[in-house]
Structures are given as structure tokens and as C-alpha cells.
């Protein structure tokens, strides 16, 4: 068994060249929101889910982005409602949120 059933990574890259990056689009706030919500609901830990931030995930043109492993599902999100849906439907329920998915 893997440590986590699913693990979401939020890109929090800051680009130095002036181009748009996930951090400029609210990624840090949404990561903090997701981490806090999952922690408060007792969803984080061994045999449960993981919520982490990362540097560049290479998808700046679609930002802000997050990826869920081991499913390799990529998401673009806007607000807390989107994050709530990803947590409930995908991280906990195991079903990808098609409307937020990017290829």
C-alpha cells in the first residue's frame, strides 16, 4: 500500500521573467485553503490523502494548476468552490472532476 491513497500538488511557482505564474494567480491561497480544509476534516495522513505545494509543474499557460497522483489528473481551478469539488469528488471519492480537468 502506498503512503497516500491520492496526493495533490499545487504549483506555487514564481516566475522571475515577468510572465504569468501560478503564484500570481492565487495558487498559494488555494493551497493553504485545501491543506487547512483537509487537515480540519481529518483527511490527511497515512492511508489517506496528501496535500503539498511544489515549484514549477511546467503548465504555466493553464495556471493555476494542480495535479493528483497516482491518477495523473491535472486541474485548473479558480476558487474555493473548485477546490472543495476536487477534494470531495476526486481526492476522497475517487472520481475526476471533468469540468476542471486539463489535458
Protein backbone atom coordinates (compact mmCIF):
# COMPACT_ATOMS: atom_id res chain seq x y z
CA UNK A 1 0.00 0.00 0.00
CA UNK A 2 1.19 3.49 -0.81
CA UNK A 3 1.52 6.03 1.98
CA UNK A 4 -1.28 8.19 0.50
CA UNK A 5 -4.27 6.99 -1.49
CA UNK A 6 -4.07 10.22 -3.51
CA UNK A 7 -1.72 13.19 -3.32
CA UNK A 8 -2.46 16.63 -4.78
CA UNK A 9 0.36 19.01 -5.66
CA UNK A 10 -0.35 22.72 -6.13
CA UNK A 11 2.08 24.60 -8.36
CA UNK A 12 3.30 27.67 -6.49
CA UNK A 13 5.98 28.79 -8.88
CA UNK A 14 7.02 32.43 -9.08
CA UNK A 15 8.47 33.41 -12.46
CA UNK A 16 11.22 35.98 -12.45
CA UNK A 17 10.80 36.89 -16.13
CA UNK A 18 7.53 38.77 -15.64
CA UNK A 19 5.41 36.08 -17.30
CA UNK A 20 2.30 34.82 -15.57
CA UNK A 21 2.79 32.13 -12.95
CA UNK A 22 0.53 30.11 -10.69
CA UNK A 23 1.54 32.09 -7.59
CA UNK A 24 0.41 35.31 -9.25
CA UNK A 25 -2.97 33.67 -9.88
CA UNK A 26 -3.79 32.79 -6.27
CA UNK A 27 -2.24 29.33 -6.04
CA UNK A 28 -0.70 29.85 -2.61
CA UNK A 29 -4.04 30.89 -1.13
CA UNK A 30 -5.82 27.90 -2.66
CA UNK A 31 -3.08 25.53 -1.43
CA UNK A 32 -3.43 26.94 2.10
CA UNK A 33 -7.20 26.62 1.86
CA UNK A 34 -7.04 22.99 0.68
CA UNK A 35 -4.44 21.99 3.27
CA UNK A 36 -6.41 23.59 6.10
CA UNK A 37 -9.72 22.11 5.00
CA UNK A 38 -8.27 18.61 4.65
CA UNK A 39 -6.46 18.87 7.97
CA UNK A 40 -9.61 20.10 9.75
CA UNK A 41 -11.64 17.25 8.29
CA UNK A 42 -9.06 14.62 9.28
CA UNK A 43 -8.33 13.65 5.68
CA UNK A 44 -4.51 13.96 5.75
CA UNK A 45 -2.12 11.20 6.72
CA UNK A 46 -1.02 7.66 6.10
CA UNK A 47 -3.67 5.70 4.22
CA UNK A 48 -5.50 8.96 3.49
CA UNK A 49 -4.61 11.89 1.23
CA UNK A 50 -1.68 14.28 0.92
CA UNK A 51 -1.77 17.99 0.06
CA UNK A 52 1.53 19.58 -0.96
CA UNK A 53 2.87 22.57 -2.81
CA UNK A 54 5.60 22.48 -5.41
CA UNK A 55 7.60 24.76 -7.61
CA UNK A 56 7.06 24.82 -11.36
CA UNK A 57 4.99 21.97 -12.74
CA UNK A 58 5.52 23.22 -16.30
CA UNK A 59 1.91 24.12 -17.09
CA UNK A 60 2.04 27.93 -16.68
CA UNK A 61 -0.18 28.52 -19.70
CA UNK A 62 -3.04 26.79 -17.88
CA UNK A 63 -2.43 28.22 -14.41
CA UNK A 64 -3.18 28.00 -11.67
CA UNK A 65 -2.77 24.23 -11.80
CA UNK A 66 -2.68 21.22 -9.52
CA UNK A 67 -2.03 17.56 -10.26
CA UNK A 68 -3.34 14.49 -8.43
CA UNK A 69 -1.21 11.36 -8.17
CA UNK A 70 -1.23 8.44 -8.70
CA UNK A 71 -4.07 9.26 -11.11
CA UNK A 72 -2.03 11.83 -13.09
CA UNK A 73 -5.07 14.10 -13.38
CA UNK A 74 -4.36 17.79 -13.96
CA UNK A 75 -6.68 20.58 -12.88
CA UNK A 76 -7.10 24.28 -13.45
CA UNK A 77 -9.11 25.91 -10.69
CA UNK A 78 -10.45 29.35 -9.86
CA UNK A 79 -11.78 29.46 -6.31
CA UNK A 80 -12.59 27.62 -3.09
CA UNK A 81 -15.67 26.02 -4.65
CA UNK A 82 -13.44 24.36 -7.27
CA UNK A 83 -11.06 23.16 -4.56
CA UNK A 84 -13.96 21.80 -2.49
CA UNK A 85 -15.17 19.85 -5.52
CA UNK A 86 -11.71 18.40 -6.22
CA UNK A 87 -11.36 17.34 -2.57
CA UNK A 88 -14.82 15.80 -2.28
CA UNK A 89 -15.16 14.22 -5.70
CA UNK A 90 -11.60 13.19 -6.54
CA UNK A 91 -9.34 13.05 -3.51
CA UNK A 92 -11.96 11.42 -1.29
CA UNK A 93 -14.44 9.97 -3.80
CA UNK A 94 -12.00 8.79 -6.47
CA UNK A 95 -13.85 10.41 -9.39
CA UNK A 96 -12.10 13.05 -11.53
CA UNK A 97 -13.81 16.43 -11.85
CA UNK A 98 -14.16 16.62 -15.64
CA UNK A 99 -15.12 20.30 -15.82
CA UNK A 100 -11.83 21.36 -14.16
CA UNK A 101 -9.59 18.83 -15.89
CA UNK A 102 -6.92 19.92 -18.36
CA UNK A 103 -5.15 17.67 -20.84
